[in-house]
PDB file of N, CA and C in Angstrom:
ATOM      1  N   MET A   1     102.641 -20.218 -24.814  1.00  0.00           N
ATOM      2  CA  MET A   1     102.045 -19.017 -25.382  1.00  0.00           C
ATOM      3  C   MET A   1     102.310 -17.848 -24.439  1.00  0.00           C
ATOM      4  N   ARG A   2     102.644 -16.727 -25.014  1.00  0.00           N
ATOM      5  CA  ARG A   2     102.893 -15.524 -24.228  1.00  0.00           C
ATOM      6  C   ARG A   2     101.829 -14.507 -24.567  1.00  0.00           C
ATOM      7  N   LEU A   3     101.208 -13.971 -23.537  1.00  0.00           N
ATOM      8  CA  LEU A   3     100.153 -12.975 -23.731  1.00  0.00           C
ATOM      9  C   LEU A   3     100.358 -11.890 -22.695  1.00  0.00           C
ATOM     10  N   GLN A   4     100.559 -10.666 -23.167  1.00  0.00           N
ATOM     11  CA  GLN A   4     100.734  -9.538 -22.267  1.00  0.00           C
ATOM     12  C   GLN A   4     100.334  -8.278 -23.004  1.00  0.00           C
ATOM     13  N   GLY A   5      99.768  -7.337 -22.274  1.00  0.00           N
ATOM     14  CA  GLY A   5      99.358  -6.077 -22.866  1.00  0.00           C
ATOM     15  C   GLY A   5      97.908  -6.118 -23.319  1.00  0.00           C
ATOM     16  N   PRO A   6      97.576  -5.342 -24.352  1.00  0.00           N
ATOM     17  CA  PRO A   6      96.179  -5.267 -24.800  1.00  0.00           C
ATOM     18  C   PRO A   6      95.669  -6.623 -25.286  1.00  0.00           C
ATOM     19  N   ALA A   7      94.455  -6.954 -24.887  1.00  0.00           N
ATOM     20  CA  ALA A   7      93.813  -8.206 -25.287  1.00  0.00           C
ATOM     21  C   ALA A   7      92.310  -7.996 -25.227  1.00  0.00           C
ATOM     22  N   GLN A   8      91.569  -9.046 -25.488  1.00  0.00           N
ATOM     23  CA  GLN A   8      90.120  -8.981 -25.361  1.00  0.00           C
ATOM     24  C   GLN A   8      89.626 -10.133 -24.505  1.00  0.00           C
ATOM     25  N   ARG A   9      88.535  -9.865 -23.787  1.00  0.00           N
ATOM     26  CA  ARG A   9      87.879 -10.883 -22.978  1.00  0.00           C
ATOM     27  C   ARG A   9      86.533 -11.189 -23.623  1.00  0.00           C
ATOM     28  N   LEU A  10      86.339 -12.444 -23.922  1.00  0.00           N
ATOM     29  CA  LEU A  10      85.076 -12.938 -24.465  1.00  0.00           C
ATOM     30  C   LEU A  10      84.350 -13.626 -23.317  1.00  0.00           C
ATOM     31  N   THR A  11      83.159 -13.160 -23.001  1.00  0.00           N
ATOM     32  CA  THR A  11      82.368 -13.767 -21.939  1.00  0.00           C
ATOM     33  C   THR A  11      81.052 -14.237 -22.535  1.00  0.00           C
ATOM     34  N   ILE A  12      80.720 -15.487 -22.272  1.00  0.00           N
ATOM     35  CA  ILE A  12      79.514 -16.110 -22.811  1.00  0.00           C
ATOM     36  C   ILE A  12      78.650 -16.533 -21.629  1.00  0.00           C
ATOM     37  N   PHE A  13      77.432 -16.010 -21.573  1.00  0.00           N
ATOM     38  CA  PHE A  13      76.498 -16.359 -20.512  1.00  0.00           C
ATOM     39  C   PHE A  13      75.437 -17.292 -21.090  1.00  0.00           C
ATOM     40  N   ILE A  14      75.358 -18.495 -20.529  1.00  0.00           N
ATOM     41  CA  ILE A  14      74.365 -19.479 -20.970  1.00  0.00           C
ATOM     42  C   ILE A  14      73.774 -20.143 -19.732  1.00  0.00           C
ATOM     43  N   GLY A  15      72.840 -21.044 -19.944  1.00  0.00           N
ATOM     44  CA  GLY A  15      72.276 -21.824 -18.853  1.00  0.00           C
ATOM     45  C   GLY A  15      72.953 -23.177 -18.767  1.00  0.00           C
ATOM     46  N   GLU A  16      73.015 -23.698 -17.556  1.00  0.00           N
ATOM     47  CA  GLU A  16      73.665 -24.985 -17.327  1.00  0.00           C
ATOM     48  C   GLU A  16      73.017 -26.118 -18.121  1.00  0.00           C
ATOM     49  N   SER A  17      71.723 -26.014 -18.379  1.00  0.00           N
ATOM     50  CA  SER A  17      71.020 -27.092 -19.088  1.00  0.00           C
ATOM     51  C   SER A  17      71.019 -26.911 -20.606  1.00  0.00           C
ATOM     52  N   ASP A  18      71.675 -25.872 -21.114  1.00  0.00           N
ATOM     53  CA  ASP A  18      71.717 -25.648 -22.563  1.00  0.00           C
ATOM     54  C   ASP A  18      72.552 -26.737 -23.242  1.00  0.00           C
ATOM     55  N   HIS A  19      72.056 -27.184 -24.390  1.00  0.00           N
ATOM     56  CA  HIS A  19      72.716 -28.268 -25.127  1.00  0.00           C
ATOM     57  C   HIS A  19      72.904 -27.907 -26.592  1.00  0.00           C
ATOM     58  N   HIS A  20      73.835 -28.612 -27.216  1.00  0.00           N
ATOM     59  CA  HIS A  20      74.065 -28.520 -28.657  1.00  0.00           C
ATOM     60  C   HIS A  20      74.197 -29.947 -29.168  1.00  0.00           C
ATOM     61  N   HIS A  21      73.252 -30.382 -29.962  1.00  0.00           N
ATOM     62  CA  HIS A  21      73.247 -31.757 -30.488  1.00  0.00           C
ATOM     63  C   HIS A  21      73.440 -32.790 -29.376  1.00  0.00           C
ATOM     64  N   HIS A  22      72.665 -32.697 -28.339  1.00  0.00           N
ATOM     65  CA  HIS A  22      72.640 -33.670 -27.235  1.00  0.00           C
ATOM     66  C   HIS A  22      73.907 -33.671 -26.384  1.00  0.00           C
ATOM     67  N   HIS A  23      74.742 -32.638 -26.504  1.00  0.00           N
ATOM     68  CA  HIS A  23      75.935 -32.501 -25.672  1.00  0.00           C
ATOM     69  C   HIS A  23      75.817 -31.197 -24.896  1.00  0.00           C
ATOM     70  N   SER A  24      76.478 -31.118 -23.768  1.00  0.00           N
ATOM     71  CA  SER A  24      76.504 -29.886 -22.990  1.00  0.00           C
ATOM     72  C   SER A  24      77.054 -28.742 -23.847  1.00  0.00           C
ATOM     73  N   LEU A  25      76.312 -27.648 -23.936  1.00  0.00           N
ATOM     74  CA  LEU A  25      76.769 -26.494 -24.709  1.00  0.00           C
ATOM     75  C   LEU A  25      78.050 -25.930 -24.106  1.00  0.00           C
ATOM     76  N   CYS A  26      78.103 -25.898 -22.802  1.00  0.00           N
ATOM     77  CA  CYS A  26      79.296 -25.409 -22.116  1.00  0.00           C
ATOM     78  C   CYS A  26      80.526 -26.215 -22.545  1.00  0.00           C
ATOM     79  N   SER A  27      80.429 -27.510 -22.487  1.00  0.00           N
ATOM     80  CA  SER A  27      81.556 -28.373 -22.871  1.00  0.00           C
ATOM     81  C   SER A  27      81.916 -28.211 -24.339  1.00  0.00           C
ATOM     82  N   GLU A  28      80.928 -28.039 -25.175  1.00  0.00           N
ATOM     83  CA  GLU A  28      81.167 -27.851 -26.610  1.00  0.00           C
ATOM     84  C   GLU A  28      81.952 -26.566 -26.862  1.00  0.00           C
ATOM     85  N   ILE A  29      81.593 -25.500 -26.174  1.00  0.00           N
ATOM     86  CA  ILE A  29      82.295 -24.226 -26.343  1.00  0.00           C
ATOM     87  C   ILE A  29      83.733 -24.345 -25.856  1.00  0.00           C
ATOM     88  N   VAL A  30      83.940 -24.963 -24.694  1.00  0.00           N
ATOM     89  CA  VAL A  30      85.292 -25.128 -24.154  1.00  0.00           C
ATOM     90  C   VAL A  30      86.138 -25.965 -25.111  1.00  0.00           C
ATOM     91  N   GLN A  31      85.567 -27.040 -25.618  1.00  0.00           N
ATOM     92  CA  GLN A  31      86.294 -27.913 -26.544  1.00  0.00           C
ATOM     93  C   GLN A  31      86.687 -27.163 -27.819  1.00  0.00           C
ATOM     94  N   ARG A  32      85.765 -26.390 -28.356  1.00  0.00           N
ATOM     95  CA  ARG A  32      86.076 -25.633 -29.580  1.00  0.00           C
ATOM     96  C   ARG A  32      87.111 -24.546 -29.323  1.00  0.00           C
ATOM     97  N   ALA A  33      87.062 -23.930 -28.150  1.00  0.00           N
ATOM     98  CA  ALA A  33      88.063 -22.913 -27.804  1.00  0.00           C
ATOM     99  C   ALA A  33      89.444 -23.552 -27.719  1.00  0.00           C
ATOM    100  N   GLN A  34      89.510 -24.744 -27.147  1.00  0.00           N
ATOM    101  CA  GLN A  34      90.777 -25.455 -27.053  1.00  0.00           C
ATOM    102  C   GLN A  34      91.280 -25.841 -28.447  1.00  0.00           C
ATOM    103  N   GLN A  35      90.383 -26.355 -29.285  1.00  0.00           N
ATOM    104  CA  GLN A  35      90.764 -26.739 -30.643  1.00  0.00           C
ATOM    105  C   GLN A  35      91.218 -25.535 -31.465  1.00  0.00           C
ATOM    106  N   ALA A  36      90.648 -24.367 -31.167  1.00  0.00           N
ATOM    107  CA  ALA A  36      91.027 -23.143 -31.887  1.00  0.00           C
ATOM    108  C   ALA A  36      92.366 -22.595 -31.401  1.00  0.00           C
ATOM    109  N   GLY A  37      92.920 -23.182 -30.344  1.00  0.00           N
ATOM    110  CA  GLY A  37      94.207 -22.748 -29.846  1.00  0.00           C
ATOM    111  C   GLY A  37      94.166 -21.473 -29.031  1.00  0.00           C
ATOM    112  N   LEU A  38      93.000 -21.151 -28.478  1.00  0.00           N
ATOM    113  CA  LEU A  38      92.898 -19.937 -27.674  1.00  0.00           C
ATOM    114  C   LEU A  38      93.727 -20.074 -26.406  1.00  0.00           C
ATOM    115  N   ALA A  39      94.123 -18.942 -25.833  1.00  0.00           N
ATOM    116  CA  ALA A  39      95.066 -18.922 -24.713  1.00  0.00           C
ATOM    117  C   ALA A  39      94.548 -19.653 -23.485  1.00  0.00           C
ATOM    118  N   GLY A  40      93.262 -19.621 -23.249  1.00  0.00           N
ATOM    119  CA  GLY A  40      92.696 -20.296 -22.085  1.00  0.00           C
ATOM    120  C   GLY A  40      91.217 -20.036 -21.997  1.00  0.00           C
ATOM    121  N   CYS A  41      90.546 -20.837 -21.206  1.00  0.00           N
ATOM    122  CA  CYS A  41      89.098 -20.749 -21.090  1.00  0.00           C
ATOM    123  C   CYS A  41      88.722 -21.229 -19.695  1.00  0.00           C
ATOM    124  N   SER A  42      87.895 -20.471 -19.013  1.00  0.00           N
ATOM    125  CA  SER A  42      87.419 -20.866 -17.679  1.00  0.00           C
ATOM    126  C   SER A  42      85.905 -20.803 -17.657  1.00  0.00           C
ATOM    127  N   VAL A  43      85.309 -21.716 -16.893  1.00  0.00           N
ATOM    128  CA  VAL A  43      83.857 -21.788 -16.764  1.00  0.00           C
ATOM    129  C   VAL A  43      83.505 -21.524 -15.310  1.00  0.00           C
ATOM    130  N   PHE A  44      82.537 -20.647 -15.103  1.00  0.00           N
ATOM    131  CA  PHE A  44      82.080 -20.294 -13.769  1.00  0.00           C
ATOM    132  C   PHE A  44      80.593 -20.590 -13.651  1.00  0.00           C
ATOM    133  N   ARG A  45      80.235 -21.325 -12.600  1.00  0.00           N
ATOM    134  CA  ARG A  45      78.831 -21.677 -12.358  1.00  0.00           C
ATOM    135  C   ARG A  45      78.263 -20.694 -11.356  1.00  0.00           C
ATOM    136  N   GLY A  46      77.194 -20.032 -11.745  1.00  0.00           N
ATOM    137  CA  GLY A  46      76.564 -19.060 -10.870  1.00  0.00           C
ATOM    138  C   GLY A  46      75.670 -19.716  -9.835  1.00  0.00           C
ATOM    139  N   ILE A  47      75.402 -18.988  -8.780  1.00  0.00           N
ATOM    140  CA  ILE A  47      74.504 -19.498  -7.752  1.00  0.00           C
ATOM    141  C   ILE A  47      73.102 -18.917  -7.889  1.00  0.00           C
ATOM    142  N   GLU A  48      72.992 -17.865  -8.697  1.00  0.00           N
ATOM    143  CA  GLU A  48      71.682 -17.258  -8.892  1.00  0.00           C
ATOM    144  C   GLU A  48      71.752 -16.312 -10.079  1.00  0.00           C
ATOM    145  N   GLY A  49      70.661 -16.205 -10.805  1.00  0.00           N
ATOM    146  CA  GLY A  49      70.627 -15.262 -11.908  1.00  0.00           C
ATOM    147  C   GLY A  49      69.384 -15.415 -12.765  1.00  0.00           C
ATOM    148  N   PHE A  50      69.204 -14.456 -13.684  1.00  0.00           N
ATOM    149  CA  PHE A  50      68.123 -14.528 -14.659  1.00  0.00           C
ATOM    150  C   PHE A  50      68.595 -13.872 -15.933  1.00  0.00           C
ATOM    151  N   GLY A  51      67.921 -14.199 -17.009  1.00  0.00           N
ATOM    152  CA  GLY A  51      68.276 -13.644 -18.309  1.00  0.00           C
ATOM    153  C   GLY A  51      67.072 -13.017 -18.962  1.00  0.00           C
ATOM    154  N   ALA A  52      67.037 -13.077 -20.282  1.00  0.00           N
ATOM    155  CA  ALA A  52      65.990 -12.422 -21.056  1.00  0.00           C
ATOM    156  C   ALA A  52      64.596 -12.941 -20.717  1.00  0.00           C
ATOM    157  N   SER A  53      64.501 -14.205 -20.306  1.00  0.00           N
ATOM    158  CA  SER A  53      63.186 -14.774 -19.971  1.00  0.00           C
ATOM    159  C   SER A  53      62.659 -14.248 -18.649  1.00  0.00           C
ATOM    160  N   ARG A  54      63.535 -13.617 -17.863  1.00  0.00           N
ATOM    161  CA  ARG A  54      63.204 -13.064 -16.546  1.00  0.00           C
ATOM    162  C   ARG A  54      62.907 -14.147 -15.508  1.00  0.00           C
ATOM    163  N   THR A  55      63.170 -15.415 -15.820  1.00  0.00           N
ATOM    164  CA  THR A  55      62.973 -16.516 -14.881  1.00  0.00           C
ATOM    165  C   THR A  55      64.188 -16.593 -13.968  1.00  0.00           C
ATOM    166  N   LEU A  56      63.957 -16.578 -12.663  1.00  0.00           N
ATOM    167  CA  LEU A  56      65.045 -16.634 -11.697  1.00  0.00           C
ATOM    168  C   LEU A  56      65.500 -18.075 -11.502  1.00  0.00           C
ATOM    169  N   HIS A  57      66.793 -18.301 -11.627  1.00  0.00           N
ATOM    170  CA  HIS A  57      67.395 -19.614 -11.393  1.00  0.00           C
ATOM    171  C   HIS A  57      68.292 -19.467 -10.170  1.00  0.00           C
ATOM    172  N   THR A  58      68.129 -20.337  -9.194  1.00  0.00           N
ATOM    173  CA  THR A  58      68.828 -20.175  -7.931  1.00  0.00           C
ATOM    174  C   THR A  58      69.164 -21.516  -7.300  1.00  0.00           C
ATOM    175  N   THR A  59      70.130 -21.500  -6.383  1.00  0.00           N
ATOM    176  CA  THR A  59      70.499 -22.703  -5.640  1.00  0.00           C
ATOM    177  C   THR A  59      69.819 -22.756  -4.283  1.00  0.00           C
ATOM    178  N   HIS A  60      68.963 -21.794  -3.983  1.00  0.00           N
ATOM    179  CA  HIS A  60      68.290 -21.789  -2.681  1.00  0.00           C
ATOM    180  C   HIS A  60      67.548 -23.098  -2.467  1.00  0.00           C
ATOM    181  N   VAL A  61      67.557 -23.574  -1.251  1.00  0.00           N
ATOM    182  CA  VAL A  61      67.050 -24.896  -0.905  1.00  0.00           C
ATOM    183  C   VAL A  61      65.625 -25.143  -1.413  1.00  0.00           C
ATOM    184  N   LEU A  62      64.752 -24.177  -1.299  1.00  0.00           N
ATOM    185  CA  LEU A  62      63.359 -24.396  -1.674  1.00  0.00           C
ATOM    186  C   LEU A  62      63.118 -24.338  -3.169  1.00  0.00           C
ATOM    187  N   SER A  63      64.096 -23.893  -3.913  1.00  0.00           N
ATOM    188  CA  SER A  63      63.884 -23.782  -5.356  1.00  0.00           C
ATOM    189  C   SER A  63      65.133 -24.214  -6.112  1.00  0.00           C
ATOM    190  N   LEU A  64      65.615 -25.416  -5.829  1.00  0.00           N
ATOM    191  CA  LEU A  64      66.811 -25.903  -6.518  1.00  0.00           C
ATOM    192  C   LEU A  64      66.596 -25.886  -8.028  1.00  0.00           C
ATOM    193  N   SER A  65      67.568 -25.390  -8.732  1.00  0.00           N
ATOM    194  CA  SER A  65      67.456 -25.255 -10.179  1.00  0.00           C
ATOM    195  C   SER A  65      68.436 -26.178 -10.870  1.00  0.00           C
ATOM    196  N   ASP A  66      67.988 -26.772 -11.964  1.00  0.00           N
ATOM    197  CA  ASP A  66      68.906 -27.562 -12.786  1.00  0.00           C
ATOM    198  C   ASP A  66      69.385 -26.745 -13.979  1.00  0.00           C
ATOM    199  N   ASP A  67      69.134 -25.443 -13.948  1.00  0.00           N
ATOM    200  CA  ASP A  67      69.532 -24.570 -15.053  1.00  0.00           C
ATOM    201  C   ASP A  67      70.189 -23.309 -14.504  1.00  0.00           C
ATOM    202  N   LEU A  68      71.240 -23.497 -13.711  1.00  0.00           N
ATOM    203  CA  LEU A  68      71.932 -22.355 -13.132  1.00  0.00           C
ATOM    204  C   LEU A  68      72.713 -21.608 -14.211  1.00  0.00           C
ATOM    205  N   PRO A  69      72.993 -20.326 -13.956  1.00  0.00           N
ATOM    206  CA  PRO A  69      73.752 -19.554 -14.939  1.00  0.00           C
ATOM    207  C   PRO A  69      75.201 -20.024 -15.022  1.00  0.00           C
ATOM    208  N   ILE A  70      75.727 -20.001 -16.229  1.00  0.00           N
ATOM    209  CA  ILE A  70      77.115 -20.364 -16.507  1.00  0.00           C
ATOM    210  C   ILE A  70      77.757 -19.184 -17.242  1.00  0.00           C
ATOM    211  N   ALA A  71      78.973 -18.833 -16.834  1.00  0.00           N
ATOM    212  CA  ALA A  71      79.760 -17.825 -17.547  1.00  0.00           C
ATOM    213  C   ALA A  71      81.037 -18.502 -18.037  1.00  0.00           C
ATOM    214  N   ILE A  72      81.297 -18.407 -19.317  1.00  0.00           N
ATOM    215  CA  ILE A  72      82.506 -18.943 -19.919  1.00  0.00           C
ATOM    216  C   ILE A  72      83.362 -17.738 -20.310  1.00  0.00           C
ATOM    217  N   VAL A  73      84.580 -17.700 -19.814  1.00  0.00           N
ATOM    218  CA  VAL A  73      85.445 -16.539 -20.032  1.00  0.00           C
ATOM    219  C   VAL A  73      86.711 -16.978 -20.769  1.00  0.00           C
ATOM    220  N   ILE A  74      86.993 -16.267 -21.853  1.00  0.00           N
ATOM    221  CA  ILE A  74      88.181 -16.537 -22.669  1.00  0.00           C
ATOM    222  C   ILE A  74      88.900 -15.209 -22.866  1.00  0.00           C
ATOM    223  N   VAL A  75      90.216 -15.197 -22.625  1.00  0.00           N
ATOM    224  CA  VAL A  75      91.016 -13.996 -22.864  1.00  0.00           C
ATOM    225  C   VAL A  75      92.113 -14.359 -23.856  1.00  0.00           C
ATOM    226  N   ASP A  76      92.236 -13.541 -24.895  1.00  0.00           N
ATOM    227  CA  ASP A  76      93.282 -13.762 -25.895  1.00  0.00           C
ATOM    228  C   ASP A  76      93.441 -12.476 -26.698  1.00  0.00           C
ATOM    229  N   ALA A  77      94.324 -12.513 -27.669  1.00  0.00           N
ATOM    230  CA  ALA A  77      94.533 -11.369 -28.555  1.00  0.00           C
ATOM    231  C   ALA A  77      93.236 -11.077 -29.323  1.00  0.00           C
ATOM    232  N   ALA A  78      93.020  -9.821 -29.616  1.00  0.00           N
ATOM    233  CA  ALA A  78      91.773  -9.390 -30.258  1.00  0.00           C
ATOM    234  C   ALA A  78      91.481 -10.164 -31.546  1.00  0.00           C
ATOM    235  N   GLU A  79      92.483 -10.369 -32.379  1.00  0.00           N
ATOM    236  CA  GLU A  79      92.244 -11.047 -33.658  1.00  0.00           C
ATOM    237  C   GLU A  79      91.842 -12.514 -33.455  1.00  0.00           C
ATOM    238  N   ARG A  80      92.362 -13.145 -32.411  1.00  0.00           N
ATOM    239  CA  ARG A  80      92.012 -14.542 -32.138  1.00  0.00           C
ATOM    240  C   ARG A  80      90.586 -14.648 -31.573  1.00  0.00           C
ATOM    241  N   ILE A  81      90.213 -13.682 -30.743  1.00  0.00           N
ATOM    242  CA  ILE A  81      88.839 -13.656 -30.218  1.00  0.00           C
ATOM    243  C   ILE A  81      87.869 -13.431 -31.372  1.00  0.00           C
ATOM    244  N   ARG A  82      88.147 -12.461 -32.220  1.00  0.00           N
ATOM    245  CA  ARG A  82      87.260 -12.156 -33.358  1.00  0.00           C
ATOM    246  C   ARG A  82      87.143 -13.357 -34.304  1.00  0.00           C
ATOM    247  N   ALA A  83      88.216 -14.085 -34.485  1.00  0.00           N
ATOM    248  CA  ALA A  83      88.186 -15.264 -35.364  1.00  0.00           C
ATOM    249  C   ALA A  83      87.329 -16.382 -34.770  1.00  0.00           C
ATOM    250  N   PHE A  84      87.188 -16.409 -33.451  1.00  0.00           N
ATOM    251  CA  PHE A  84      86.417 -17.457 -32.788  1.00  0.00           C
ATOM    252  C   PHE A  84      84.912 -17.145 -32.764  1.00  0.00           C
ATOM    253  N   LEU A  85      84.528 -15.911 -32.892  1.00  0.00           N
ATOM    254  CA  LEU A  85      83.116 -15.518 -32.789  1.00  0.00           C
ATOM    255  C   LEU A  85      82.180 -16.266 -33.742  1.00  0.00           C
ATOM    256  N   PRO A  86      82.563 -16.556 -35.005  1.00  0.00           N
ATOM    257  CA  PRO A  86      81.655 -17.315 -35.879  1.00  0.00           C
ATOM    258  C   PRO A  86      81.291 -18.692 -35.326  1.00  0.00           C
ATOM    259  N   GLU A  87      82.170 -19.303 -34.538  1.00  0.00           N
ATOM    260  CA  GLU A  87      81.847 -20.584 -33.898  1.00  0.00           C
ATOM    261  C   GLU A  87      80.615 -20.422 -33.003  1.00  0.00           C
ATOM    262  N   LEU A  88      80.540 -19.287 -32.326  1.00  0.00           N
ATOM    263  CA  LEU A  88      79.435 -19.059 -31.393  1.00  0.00           C
ATOM    264  C   LEU A  88      78.118 -18.801 -32.123  1.00  0.00           C
ATOM    265  N   ASP A  89      78.200 -18.227 -33.323  1.00  0.00           N
ATOM    266  CA  ASP A  89      76.980 -18.012 -34.114  1.00  0.00           C
ATOM    267  C   ASP A  89      76.246 -19.326 -34.334  1.00  0.00           C
ATOM    268  N   GLU A  90      76.997 -20.384 -34.531  1.00  0.00           N
ATOM    269  CA  GLU A  90      76.417 -21.703 -34.758  1.00  0.00           C
ATOM    270  C   GLU A  90      75.868 -22.317 -33.469  1.00  0.00           C
ATOM    271  N   LEU A  91      76.471 -21.988 -32.342  1.00  0.00           N
ATOM    272  CA  LEU A  91      76.165 -22.676 -31.087  1.00  0.00           C
ATOM    273  C   LEU A  91      75.133 -21.973 -30.200  1.00  0.00           C
ATOM    274  N   ILE A  92      75.187 -20.665 -30.128  1.00  0.00           N
ATOM    275  CA  ILE A  92      74.380 -19.921 -29.159  1.00  0.00           C
ATOM    276  C   ILE A  92      73.019 -19.568 -29.757  1.00  0.00           C
ATOM    277  N   THR A  93      71.973 -20.170 -29.212  1.00  0.00           N
ATOM    278  CA  THR A  93      70.619 -19.816 -29.633  1.00  0.00           C
ATOM    279  C   THR A  93      69.922 -18.971 -28.570  1.00  0.00           C
ATOM    280  N   GLU A  94      70.347 -19.136 -27.315  1.00  0.00           N
ATOM    281  CA  GLU A  94      69.870 -18.317 -26.205  1.00  0.00           C
ATOM    282  C   GLU A  94      71.063 -17.994 -25.334  1.00  0.00           C
ATOM    283  N   GLY A  95      71.176 -16.772 -24.904  1.00  0.00           N
ATOM    284  CA  GLY A  95      72.279 -16.396 -24.038  1.00  0.00           C
ATOM    285  C   GLY A  95      72.785 -15.021 -24.396  1.00  0.00           C
ATOM    286  N   LEU A  96      73.921 -14.682 -23.862  1.00  0.00           N
ATOM    287  CA  LEU A  96      74.527 -13.368 -24.068  1.00  0.00           C
ATOM    288  C   LEU A  96      76.012 -13.564 -24.319  1.00  0.00           C
ATOM    289  N   VAL A  97      76.526 -12.882 -25.333  1.00  0.00           N
ATOM    290  CA  VAL A  97      77.948 -12.937 -25.658  1.00  0.00           C
ATOM    291  C   VAL A  97      78.468 -11.508 -25.657  1.00  0.00           C
ATOM    292  N   ILE A  98      79.508 -11.263 -24.859  1.00  0.00           N
ATOM    293  CA  ILE A  98      80.082  -9.917 -24.828  1.00  0.00           C
ATOM    294  C   ILE A  98      81.587 -10.006 -25.052  1.00  0.00           C
ATOM    295  N   VAL A  99      82.130  -8.940 -25.628  1.00  0.00           N
ATOM    296  CA  VAL A  99      83.570  -8.818 -25.841  1.00  0.00           C
ATOM    297  C   VAL A  99      83.971  -7.458 -25.292  1.00  0.00           C
ATOM    298  N   ASP A 100      84.994  -7.461 -24.442  1.00  0.00           N
ATOM    299  CA  ASP A 100      85.490  -6.180 -23.963  1.00  0.00           C
ATOM    300  C   ASP A 100      87.009  -6.163 -23.969  1.00  0.00           C
ATOM    301  N   ASP A 101      87.550  -4.954 -24.093  1.00  0.00           N
ATOM    302  CA  ASP A 101      88.996  -4.782 -24.119  1.00  0.00           C
ATOM    303  C   ASP A 101      89.536  -4.904 -22.702  1.00  0.00           C
ATOM    304  N   VAL A 102      90.652  -5.609 -22.580  1.00  0.00           N
ATOM    305  CA  VAL A 102      91.321  -5.769 -21.294  1.00  0.00           C
ATOM    306  C   VAL A 102      92.822  -5.590 -21.490  1.00  0.00           C
ATOM    307  N   GLU A 103      93.527  -5.465 -20.393  1.00  0.00           N
ATOM    308  CA  GLU A 103      94.984  -5.447 -20.430  1.00  0.00           C
ATOM    309  C   GLU A 103      95.486  -6.615 -19.606  1.00  0.00           C
ATOM    310  N   VAL A 104      96.241  -7.481 -20.229  1.00  0.00           N
ATOM    311  CA  VAL A 104      96.820  -8.625 -19.533  1.00  0.00           C
ATOM    312  C   VAL A 104      98.092  -8.146 -18.837  1.00  0.00           C
ATOM    313  N   VAL A 105      98.110  -8.292 -17.533  1.00  0.00           N
ATOM    314  CA  VAL A 105      99.259  -7.861 -16.736  1.00  0.00           C
ATOM    315  C   VAL A 105     100.243  -9.011 -16.576  1.00  0.00           C
ATOM    316  N   ARG A 106      99.712 -10.199 -16.362  1.00  0.00           N
ATOM    317  CA  ARG A 106     100.580 -11.360 -16.179  1.00  0.00           C
ATOM    318  C   ARG A 106      99.834 -12.601 -16.636  1.00  0.00           C
ATOM    319  N   TYR A 107     100.470 -13.389 -17.475  1.00  0.00           N
ATOM    320  CA  TYR A 107      99.912 -14.658 -17.939  1.00  0.00           C
ATOM    321  C   TYR A 107     101.036 -15.669 -17.938  1.00  0.00           C
ATOM    322  N   VAL A 108     101.025 -16.548 -16.966  1.00  0.00           N
ATOM    323  CA  VAL A 108     102.101 -17.524 -16.826  1.00  0.00           C
ATOM    324  C   VAL A 108     101.481 -18.907 -16.790  1.00  0.00           C
ATOM    325  N   GLY A 109     101.845 -19.724 -17.740  1.00  0.00           N
ATOM    326  CA  GLY A 109     101.361 -21.094 -17.778  1.00  0.00           C
ATOM    327  C   GLY A 109     102.429 -22.039 -17.268  1.00  0.00           C
ATOM    328  N   ARG A 110     102.046 -23.273 -17.137  1.00  0.00           N
ATOM    329  CA  ARG A 110     103.034 -24.293 -16.772  1.00  0.00           C
ATOM    330  C   ARG A 110     103.188 -25.217 -17.963  1.00  0.00           C
ATOM    331  N   PRO A 111     104.336 -25.842 -18.102  1.00  0.00           N
ATOM    332  CA  PRO A 111     104.514 -26.761 -19.225  1.00  0.00           C
ATOM    333  C   PRO A 111     103.537 -27.922 -19.108  1.00  0.00           C
ATOM    334  N   PRO A 112     103.055 -28.437 -20.236  1.00  0.00           N
ATOM    335  CA  PRO A 112     102.115 -29.564 -20.174  1.00  0.00           C
ATOM    336  C   PRO A 112     102.777 -30.783 -19.556  1.00  0.00           C
ATOM    337  N   SER A 113     101.990 -31.549 -18.795  1.00  0.00           N
ATOM    338  CA  SER A 113     102.514 -32.776 -18.227  1.00  0.00           C
ATOM    339  C   SER A 113     102.731 -33.786 -19.350  1.00  0.00           C
ATOM    340  N   ALA A 114     103.425 -34.857 -19.045  1.00  0.00           N
ATOM    341  CA  ALA A 114     103.681 -35.891 -20.049  1.00  0.00           C
ATOM    342  C   ALA A 114     102.364 -36.432 -20.606  1.00  0.00           C
ATOM    343  N   GLU A 115     101.356 -36.571 -19.748  1.00  0.00           N
ATOM    344  CA  GLU A 115     100.051 -37.071 -20.179  1.00  0.00           C
ATOM    345  C   GLU A 115      99.367 -36.098 -21.140  1.00  0.00           C
ATOM    346  N   GLU A 116      99.461 -34.796 -20.841  1.00  0.00           N
ATOM    347  CA  GLU A 116      98.836 -33.788 -21.687  1.00  0.00           C
ATOM    348  C   GLU A 116      99.560 -33.631 -23.015  1.00  0.00           C
ATOM    349  N   ALA A 117     100.856 -33.917 -23.050  1.00  0.00           N
ATOM    350  CA  ALA A 117     101.657 -33.732 -24.253  1.00  0.00           C
ATOM    351  C   ALA A 117     101.446 -34.827 -25.282  1.00  0.00           C
ATOM    352  N   LYS A 118     100.792 -35.927 -24.882  1.00  0.00           N
ATOM    353  CA  LYS A 118     100.557 -37.018 -25.835  1.00  0.00           C
ATOM    354  C   LYS A 118      99.585 -36.581 -26.921  1.00  0.00           C
ATOM    355  N   PRO A 119      99.843 -36.939 -28.191  1.00  0.00           N
ATOM    356  CA  PRO A 119      98.947 -36.548 -29.292  1.00  0.00           C
ATOM    357  C   PRO A 119      97.627 -37.258 -29.265  1.00  0.00           C
TER     358      PRO A 119
END
């Protein structure tokens, strides 16, 4: 896949303990993004943060949290990002979803390994 120039970044902020039908919500979103053929998806685990509930979640020793903030970032063409948004309507019950315009300067992938290429 080649991606360069104007694109959109979809960022999804959820909690590490969020689930969808007894599965990790984070994993479910990544799996659906892959199935949708999006250009790529990365997950970032935060060390501290709070959301609408105003409850602070942190990795500090005295207050270890099992619900740290997670950011899932997907960059692709605007039409592909917009087509994926209805998937999130079904999945996200708490969290924040943002879309912003970006410019892709360089996107270089590597060919799939023999193991990854298997159907």
